[in-house]
């Protein structure tokens, strides 16, 4: 029996996918601009290393979505308090 190794994305590839596609998609979905919320390379790398264990990018997208949604909720509460 032959074992086939099917590697997933490397950390660098995940980083590029996140910067080019995933962050942009989540900003559009939540209505957040890049002036309001930005992800540093170090921040994305931390998420990739510590919060996503899979070889693909599904969990990475979910984590970015969670962060975006939390930020949106927090900023909405701030606006309500200021009113």
PDB file of N, CA and C in Angstrom:
ATOM      1  N   UNK A   1       0.844  -1.164   0.000  1.00  0.00           N
ATOM      2  CA  UNK A   1       0.000   0.000   0.000  1.00  0.00           C
ATOM      3  C   UNK A   1       0.897   1.237   0.000  1.00  0.00           C
ATOM      4  N   UNK A   2       0.537   2.188  -0.829  1.00  0.00           N
ATOM      5  CA  UNK A   2       1.314   3.412  -0.938  1.00  0.00           C
ATOM      6  C   UNK A   2       0.615   4.535  -0.165  1.00  0.00           C
ATOM      7  N   UNK A   3       1.393   5.280   0.570  1.00  0.00           N
ATOM      8  CA  UNK A   3       0.847   6.401   1.341  1.00  0.00           C
ATOM      9  C   UNK A   3       1.054   7.679   0.543  1.00  0.00           C
ATOM     10  N   UNK A   4      -0.030   8.368   0.316  1.00  0.00           N
ATOM     11  CA  UNK A   4       0.040   9.641  -0.395  1.00  0.00           C
ATOM     12  C   UNK A   4      -0.022  10.775   0.615  1.00  0.00           C
ATOM     13  N   UNK A   5       0.910  11.653   0.532  1.00  0.00           N
ATOM     14  CA  UNK A   5       0.911  12.823   1.412  1.00  0.00           C
ATOM     15  C   UNK A   5       0.308  13.991   0.647  1.00  0.00           C
ATOM     16  N   UNK A   6      -0.752  14.526   1.205  1.00  0.00           N
ATOM     17  CA  UNK A   6      -1.426  15.661   0.584  1.00  0.00           C
ATOM     18  C   UNK A   6      -1.265  16.868   1.496  1.00  0.00           C
ATOM     19  N   UNK A   7      -0.222  17.605   1.273  1.00  0.00           N
ATOM     20  CA  UNK A   7       0.022  18.742   2.172  1.00  0.00           C
ATOM     21  C   UNK A   7      -1.010  19.847   1.953  1.00  0.00           C
ATOM     22  N   UNK A   8      -1.268  20.567   3.017  1.00  0.00           N
ATOM     23  CA  UNK A   8      -2.164  21.711   2.925  1.00  0.00           C
ATOM     24  C   UNK A   8      -1.369  22.958   2.616  1.00  0.00           C
ATOM     25  N   UNK A   9      -1.953  24.073   2.926  1.00  0.00           N
ATOM     26  CA  UNK A   9      -1.281  25.344   2.702  1.00  0.00           C
ATOM     27  C   UNK A   9      -0.199  25.569   3.760  1.00  0.00           C
ATOM     28  N   UNK A  10       0.867  26.223   3.373  1.00  0.00           N
ATOM     29  CA  UNK A  10       1.892  26.619   4.338  1.00  0.00           C
ATOM     30  C   UNK A  10       1.412  27.872   5.060  1.00  0.00           C
ATOM     31  N   UNK A  11       2.109  28.247   6.128  1.00  0.00           N
ATOM     32  CA  UNK A  11       1.738  29.458   6.858  1.00  0.00           C
ATOM     33  C   UNK A  11       1.782  30.683   5.950  1.00  0.00           C
ATOM     34  N   UNK A  12       2.801  30.752   5.100  1.00  0.00           N
ATOM     35  CA  UNK A  12       2.926  31.893   4.189  1.00  0.00           C
ATOM     36  C   UNK A  12       1.773  31.944   3.189  1.00  0.00           C
ATOM     37  N   UNK A  13       1.385  30.783   2.687  1.00  0.00           N
ATOM     38  CA  UNK A  13       0.265  30.741   1.749  1.00  0.00           C
ATOM     39  C   UNK A  13      -1.038  31.146   2.430  1.00  0.00           C
ATOM     40  N   UNK A  14      -1.247  30.669   3.644  1.00  0.00           N
ATOM     41  CA  UNK A  14      -2.442  31.060   4.394  1.00  0.00           C
ATOM     42  C   UNK A  14      -2.457  32.558   4.656  1.00  0.00           C
ATOM     43  N   UNK A  15      -1.300  33.114   4.958  1.00  0.00           N
ATOM     44  CA  UNK A  15      -1.190  34.551   5.211  1.00  0.00           C
ATOM     45  C   UNK A  15      -1.610  35.337   3.974  1.00  0.00           C
ATOM     46  N   UNK A  16      -1.106  34.942   2.815  1.00  0.00           N
ATOM     47  CA  UNK A  16      -1.444  35.642   1.578  1.00  0.00           C
ATOM     48  C   UNK A  16      -2.915  35.500   1.234  1.00  0.00           C
ATOM     49  N   UNK A  17      -3.472  34.317   1.436  1.00  0.00           N
ATOM     50  CA  UNK A  17      -4.895  34.099   1.178  1.00  0.00           C
ATOM     51  C   UNK A  17      -5.726  34.983   2.106  1.00  0.00           C
ATOM     52  N   UNK A  18      -5.334  35.050   3.360  1.00  0.00           N
ATOM     53  CA  UNK A  18      -6.065  35.884   4.320  1.00  0.00           C
ATOM     54  C   UNK A  18      -6.000  37.352   3.924  1.00  0.00           C
ATOM     55  N   UNK A  19      -4.808  37.837   3.585  1.00  0.00           N
ATOM     56  CA  UNK A  19      -4.649  39.254   3.244  1.00  0.00           C
ATOM     57  C   UNK A  19      -5.377  39.609   1.946  1.00  0.00           C
ATOM     58  N   UNK A  20      -5.307  38.729   0.971  1.00  0.00           N
ATOM     59  CA  UNK A  20      -5.889  39.045  -0.337  1.00  0.00           C
ATOM     60  C   UNK A  20      -7.393  38.827  -0.415  1.00  0.00           C
ATOM     61  N   UNK A  21      -7.891  37.806   0.280  1.00  0.00           N
ATOM     62  CA  UNK A  21      -9.284  37.429   0.084  1.00  0.00           C
ATOM     63  C   UNK A  21     -10.135  37.420   1.350  1.00  0.00           C
ATOM     64  N   UNK A  22      -9.664  36.721   2.390  1.00  0.00           N
ATOM     65  CA  UNK A  22     -10.520  36.467   3.542  1.00  0.00           C
ATOM     66  C   UNK A  22     -10.860  37.729   4.328  1.00  0.00           C
ATOM     67  N   UNK A  23      -9.869  38.565   4.596  1.00  0.00           N
ATOM     68  CA  UNK A  23     -10.124  39.793   5.356  1.00  0.00           C
ATOM     69  C   UNK A  23     -11.059  40.701   4.565  1.00  0.00           C
ATOM     70  N   UNK A  24     -10.810  40.816   3.280  1.00  0.00           N
ATOM     71  CA  UNK A  24     -11.651  41.657   2.424  1.00  0.00           C
ATOM     72  C   UNK A  24     -13.089  41.149   2.419  1.00  0.00           C
ATOM     73  N   UNK A  25     -13.270  39.859   2.291  1.00  0.00           N
ATOM     74  CA  UNK A  25     -14.606  39.264   2.268  1.00  0.00           C
ATOM     75  C   UNK A  25     -15.346  39.541   3.572  1.00  0.00           C
ATOM     76  N   UNK A  26     -14.652  39.405   4.699  1.00  0.00           N
ATOM     77  CA  UNK A  26     -15.314  39.631   5.983  1.00  0.00           C
ATOM     78  C   UNK A  26     -15.619  41.104   6.215  1.00  0.00           C
ATOM     79  N   UNK A  27     -14.769  41.989   5.720  1.00  0.00           N
ATOM     80  CA  UNK A  27     -15.059  43.422   5.819  1.00  0.00           C
ATOM     81  C   UNK A  27     -16.324  43.753   5.053  1.00  0.00           C
ATOM     82  N   UNK A  28     -16.447  43.219   3.857  1.00  0.00           N
ATOM     83  CA  UNK A  28     -17.637  43.468   3.054  1.00  0.00           C
ATOM     84  C   UNK A  28     -18.879  42.881   3.706  1.00  0.00           C
ATOM     85  N   UNK A  29     -18.747  41.707   4.306  1.00  0.00           N
ATOM     86  CA  UNK A  29     -19.889  41.043   4.937  1.00  0.00           C
ATOM     87  C   UNK A  29     -20.378  41.796   6.171  1.00  0.00           C
ATOM     88  N   UNK A  30     -19.467  42.417   6.899  1.00  0.00           N
ATOM     89  CA  UNK A  30     -19.848  43.105   8.132  1.00  0.00           C
ATOM     90  C   UNK A  30     -19.962  44.607   7.971  1.00  0.00           C
ATOM     91  N   UNK A  31     -19.577  45.131   6.812  1.00  0.00           N
ATOM     92  CA  UNK A  31     -19.675  46.565   6.577  1.00  0.00           C
ATOM     93  C   UNK A  31     -18.587  47.368   7.267  1.00  0.00           C
ATOM     94  N   UNK A  32     -17.481  46.742   7.552  1.00  0.00           N
ATOM     95  CA  UNK A  32     -16.364  47.398   8.238  1.00  0.00           C
ATOM     96  C   UNK A  32     -15.361  47.871   7.181  1.00  0.00           C
ATOM     97  N   UNK A  33     -14.808  49.052   7.382  1.00  0.00           N
ATOM     98  CA  UNK A  33     -13.792  49.547   6.452  1.00  0.00           C
ATOM     99  C   UNK A  33     -12.402  49.220   6.982  1.00  0.00           C
ATOM    100  N   UNK A  34     -11.402  49.350   6.123  1.00  0.00           N
ATOM    101  CA  UNK A  34     -10.029  49.071   6.547  1.00  0.00           C
ATOM    102  C   UNK A  34      -9.518  50.130   7.510  1.00  0.00           C
ATOM    103  N   UNK A  35     -10.157  51.300   7.546  1.00  0.00           N
ATOM    104  CA  UNK A  35      -9.776  52.319   8.527  1.00  0.00           C
ATOM    105  C   UNK A  35     -10.245  51.935   9.925  1.00  0.00           C
ATOM    106  N   UNK A  36     -11.351  51.203   9.998  1.00  0.00           N
ATOM    107  CA  UNK A  36     -11.909  50.817  11.298  1.00  0.00           C
ATOM    108  C   UNK A  36     -11.221  49.601  11.909  1.00  0.00           C
ATOM    109  N   UNK A  37     -10.917  48.634  11.088  1.00  0.00           N
ATOM    110  CA  UNK A  37     -10.330  47.389  11.593  1.00  0.00           C
ATOM    111  C   UNK A  37      -9.299  46.896  10.594  1.00  0.00           C
ATOM    112  N   UNK A  38      -8.093  46.673  11.074  1.00  0.00           N
ATOM    113  CA  UNK A  38      -7.047  46.139  10.207  1.00  0.00           C
ATOM    114  C   UNK A  38      -6.348  44.988  10.924  1.00  0.00           C
ATOM    115  N   UNK A  39      -5.793  44.108  10.149  1.00  0.00           N
ATOM    116  CA  UNK A  39      -5.065  42.959  10.670  1.00  0.00           C
ATOM    117  C   UNK A  39      -3.597  43.116  10.302  1.00  0.00           C
ATOM    118  N   UNK A  40      -2.735  43.066  11.291  1.00  0.00           N
ATOM    119  CA  UNK A  40      -1.297  43.108  11.015  1.00  0.00           C
ATOM    120  C   UNK A  40      -0.836  41.721  10.590  1.00  0.00           C
ATOM    121  N   UNK A  41       0.338  41.662   9.996  1.00  0.00           N
ATOM    122  CA  UNK A  41       0.907  40.361   9.635  1.00  0.00           C
ATOM    123  C   UNK A  41       1.125  39.503  10.870  1.00  0.00           C
ATOM    124  N   UNK A  42       1.597  40.136  11.943  1.00  0.00           N
ATOM    125  CA  UNK A  42       1.831  39.394  13.189  1.00  0.00           C
ATOM    126  C   UNK A  42       0.520  38.858  13.757  1.00  0.00           C
ATOM    127  N   UNK A  43      -0.531  39.655  13.657  1.00  0.00           N
ATOM    128  CA  UNK A  43      -1.838  39.225  14.148  1.00  0.00           C
ATOM    129  C   UNK A  43      -2.381  38.041  13.364  1.00  0.00           C
ATOM    130  N   UNK A  44      -2.291  38.117  12.045  1.00  0.00           N
ATOM    131  CA  UNK A  44      -2.747  37.005  11.208  1.00  0.00           C
ATOM    132  C   UNK A  44      -1.917  35.757  11.462  1.00  0.00           C
ATOM    133  N   UNK A  45      -0.621  35.923  11.605  1.00  0.00           N
ATOM    134  CA  UNK A  45       0.248  34.780  11.864  1.00  0.00           C
ATOM    135  C   UNK A  45      -0.090  34.128  13.205  1.00  0.00           C
ATOM    136  N   UNK A  46      -0.409  34.939  14.198  1.00  0.00           N
ATOM    137  CA  UNK A  46      -0.814  34.403  15.510  1.00  0.00           C
ATOM    138  C   UNK A  46      -2.096  33.578  15.370  1.00  0.00           C
ATOM    139  N   UNK A  47      -3.065  34.101  14.631  1.00  0.00           N
ATOM    140  CA  UNK A  47      -4.307  33.358  14.407  1.00  0.00           C
ATOM    141  C   UNK A  47      -4.017  32.055  13.694  1.00  0.00           C
ATOM    142  N   UNK A  48      -3.191  32.107  12.666  1.00  0.00           N
ATOM    143  CA  UNK A  48      -2.864  30.907  11.887  1.00  0.00           C
ATOM    144  C   UNK A  48      -2.180  29.863  12.760  1.00  0.00           C
ATOM    145  N   UNK A  49      -1.238  30.287  13.573  1.00  0.00           N
ATOM    146  CA  UNK A  49      -0.470  29.327  14.387  1.00  0.00           C
ATOM    147  C   UNK A  49      -1.241  28.786  15.583  1.00  0.00           C
ATOM    148  N   UNK A  50      -2.054  29.618  16.216  1.00  0.00           N
ATOM    149  CA  UNK A  50      -2.654  29.220  17.486  1.00  0.00           C
ATOM    150  C   UNK A  50      -4.147  28.902  17.433  1.00  0.00           C
ATOM    151  N   UNK A  51      -4.838  29.310  16.398  1.00  0.00           N
ATOM    152  CA  UNK A  51      -6.279  29.104  16.357  1.00  0.00           C
ATOM    153  C   UNK A  51      -6.752  28.269  15.178  1.00  0.00           C
ATOM    154  N   UNK A  52      -5.881  27.949  14.256  1.00  0.00           N
ATOM    155  CA  UNK A  52      -6.267  27.089  13.129  1.00  0.00           C
ATOM    156  C   UNK A  52      -5.286  25.933  13.044  1.00  0.00           C
ATOM    157  N   UNK A  53      -5.812  24.739  13.130  1.00  0.00           N
ATOM    158  CA  UNK A  53      -4.980  23.543  13.129  1.00  0.00           C
ATOM    159  C   UNK A  53      -5.061  22.787  11.801  1.00  0.00           C
ATOM    160  N   UNK A  54      -6.035  23.146  10.974  1.00  0.00           N
ATOM    161  CA  UNK A  54      -6.294  22.403   9.749  1.00  0.00           C
ATOM    162  C   UNK A  54      -5.353  22.813   8.620  1.00  0.00           C
ATOM    163  N   UNK A  55      -5.350  22.025   7.568  1.00  0.00           N
ATOM    164  CA  UNK A  55      -4.459  22.316   6.451  1.00  0.00           C
ATOM    165  C   UNK A  55      -5.050  23.350   5.494  1.00  0.00           C
ATOM    166  N   UNK A  56      -6.365  23.537   5.529  1.00  0.00           N
ATOM    167  CA  UNK A  56      -7.030  24.501   4.648  1.00  0.00           C
ATOM    168  C   UNK A  56      -7.192  25.853   5.318  1.00  0.00           C
ATOM    169  N   UNK A  57      -8.146  26.632   4.825  1.00  0.00           N
ATOM    170  CA  UNK A  57      -8.335  27.985   5.355  1.00  0.00           C
ATOM    171  C   UNK A  57      -9.746  28.231   5.901  1.00  0.00           C
ATOM    172  N   UNK A  58     -10.560  27.201   6.032  1.00  0.00           N
ATOM    173  CA  UNK A  58     -11.920  27.396   6.537  1.00  0.00           C
ATOM    174  C   UNK A  58     -11.933  27.944   7.954  1.00  0.00           C
ATOM    175  N   UNK A  59     -11.170  27.335   8.830  1.00  0.00           N
ATOM    176  CA  UNK A  59     -11.143  27.815  10.213  1.00  0.00           C
ATOM    177  C   UNK A  59     -10.515  29.203  10.304  1.00  0.00           C
ATOM    178  N   UNK A  60      -9.556  29.486   9.455  1.00  0.00           N
ATOM    179  CA  UNK A  60      -8.958  30.815   9.431  1.00  0.00           C
ATOM    180  C   UNK A  60     -10.013  31.845   9.066  1.00  0.00           C
ATOM    181  N   UNK A  61     -10.833  31.543   8.080  1.00  0.00           N
ATOM    182  CA  UNK A  61     -11.901  32.468   7.705  1.00  0.00           C
ATOM    183  C   UNK A  61     -12.903  32.638   8.846  1.00  0.00           C
ATOM    184  N   UNK A  62     -13.222  31.554   9.539  1.00  0.00           N
ATOM    185  CA  UNK A  62     -14.146  31.642  10.684  1.00  0.00           C
ATOM    186  C   UNK A  62     -13.581  32.517  11.795  1.00  0.00           C
ATOM    187  N   UNK A  63     -12.300  32.387  12.075  1.00  0.00           N
ATOM    188  CA  UNK A  63     -11.688  33.204  13.118  1.00  0.00           C
ATOM    189  C   UNK A  63     -11.693  34.687  12.730  1.00  0.00           C
ATOM    190  N   UNK A  64     -11.392  34.982  11.476  1.00  0.00           N
ATOM    191  CA  UNK A  64     -11.442  36.367  11.010  1.00  0.00           C
ATOM    192  C   UNK A  64     -12.870  36.888  11.087  1.00  0.00           C
ATOM    193  N   UNK A  65     -13.833  36.039  10.757  1.00  0.00           N
ATOM    194  CA  UNK A  65     -15.248  36.413  10.855  1.00  0.00           C
ATOM    195  C   UNK A  65     -15.631  36.699  12.302  1.00  0.00           C
ATOM    196  N   UNK A  66     -15.187  35.857  13.227  1.00  0.00           N
ATOM    197  CA  UNK A  66     -15.496  36.071  14.645  1.00  0.00           C
ATOM    198  C   UNK A  66     -14.921  37.389  15.146  1.00  0.00           C
ATOM    199  N   UNK A  67     -13.697  37.671  14.792  1.00  0.00           N
ATOM    200  CA  UNK A  67     -13.064  38.921  15.222  1.00  0.00           C
ATOM    201  C   UNK A  67     -13.808  40.114  14.642  1.00  0.00           C
ATOM    202  N   UNK A  68     -14.172  40.041  13.366  1.00  0.00           N
ATOM    203  CA  UNK A  68     -14.890  41.136  12.720  1.00  0.00           C
ATOM    204  C   UNK A  68     -16.256  41.353  13.368  1.00  0.00           C
ATOM    205  N   UNK A  69     -16.952  40.260  13.650  1.00  0.00           N
ATOM    206  CA  UNK A  69     -18.277  40.378  14.266  1.00  0.00           C
ATOM    207  C   UNK A  69     -18.180  40.949  15.677  1.00  0.00           C
ATOM    208  N   UNK A  70     -17.188  40.516  16.440  1.00  0.00           N
ATOM    209  CA  UNK A  70     -17.006  41.062  17.799  1.00  0.00           C
ATOM    210  C   UNK A  70     -16.678  42.547  17.751  1.00  0.00           C
ATOM    211  N   UNK A  71     -15.816  42.937  16.813  1.00  0.00           N
ATOM    212  CA  UNK A  71     -15.458  44.339  16.694  1.00  0.00           C
ATOM    213  C   UNK A  71     -16.689  45.156  16.326  1.00  0.00           C
ATOM    214  N   UNK A  72     -17.488  44.653  15.393  1.00  0.00           N
ATOM    215  CA  UNK A  72     -18.705  45.346  14.961  1.00  0.00           C
ATOM    216  C   UNK A  72     -19.671  45.510  16.128  1.00  0.00           C
ATOM    217  N   UNK A  73     -19.869  44.469  16.905  1.00  0.00           N
ATOM    218  CA  UNK A  73     -20.771  44.541  18.052  1.00  0.00           C
ATOM    219  C   UNK A  73     -20.249  45.530  19.091  1.00  0.00           C
ATOM    220  N   UNK A  74     -18.963  45.491  19.354  1.00  0.00           N
ATOM    221  CA  UNK A  74     -18.374  46.399  20.339  1.00  0.00           C
ATOM    222  C   UNK A  74     -18.490  47.851  19.886  1.00  0.00           C
ATOM    223  N   UNK A  75     -18.241  48.114  18.610  1.00  0.00           N
ATOM    224  CA  UNK A  75     -18.333  49.491  18.115  1.00  0.00           C
ATOM    225  C   UNK A  75     -19.782  49.972  18.117  1.00  0.00           C
ATOM    226  N   UNK A  76     -20.724  49.069  17.888  1.00  0.00           N
ATOM    227  CA  UNK A  76     -22.141  49.446  17.945  1.00  0.00           C
ATOM    228  C   UNK A  76     -22.545  49.825  19.362  1.00  0.00           C
ATOM    229  N   UNK A  77     -22.048  49.086  20.347  1.00  0.00           N
ATOM    230  CA  UNK A  77     -22.356  49.419  21.753  1.00  0.00           C
ATOM    231  C   UNK A  77     -21.771  50.768  22.128  1.00  0.00           C
ATOM    232  N   UNK A  78     -20.574  51.065  21.614  1.00  0.00           N
ATOM    233  CA  UNK A  78     -19.948  52.371  21.895  1.00  0.00           C
ATOM    234  C   UNK A  78     -20.790  53.508  21.317  1.00  0.00           C
ATOM    235  N   UNK A  79     -21.296  53.330  20.110  1.00  0.00           N
ATOM    236  CA  UNK A  79     -22.111  54.352  19.476  1.00  0.00           C
ATOM    237  C   UNK A  79     -23.400  54.585  20.251  1.00  0.00           C
ATOM    238  N   UNK A  80     -23.993  53.516  20.768  1.00  0.00           N
ATOM    239  CA  UNK A  80     -25.218  53.643  21.552  1.00  0.00           C
ATOM    240  C   UNK A  80     -24.944  54.407  22.841  1.00  0.00           C
ATOM    241  N   UNK A  81     -23.842  54.123  23.509  1.00  0.00           N
ATOM    242  CA  UNK A  81     -23.502  54.815  24.752  1.00  0.00           C
ATOM    243  C   UNK A  81     -23.229  56.295  24.517  1.00  0.00           C
ATOM    244  N   UNK A  82     -22.617  56.607  23.388  1.00  0.00           N
ATOM    245  CA  UNK A  82     -22.290  58.001  23.093  1.00  0.00           C
ATOM    246  C   UNK A  82     -23.524  58.814  22.734  1.00  0.00           C
ATOM    247  N   UNK A  83     -24.578  58.153  22.295  1.00  0.00           N
ATOM    248  CA  UNK A  83     -25.811  58.865  21.885  1.00  0.00           C
ATOM    249  C   UNK A  83     -26.592  59.374  23.052  1.00  0.00           C
TER     250      UNK A  83
END
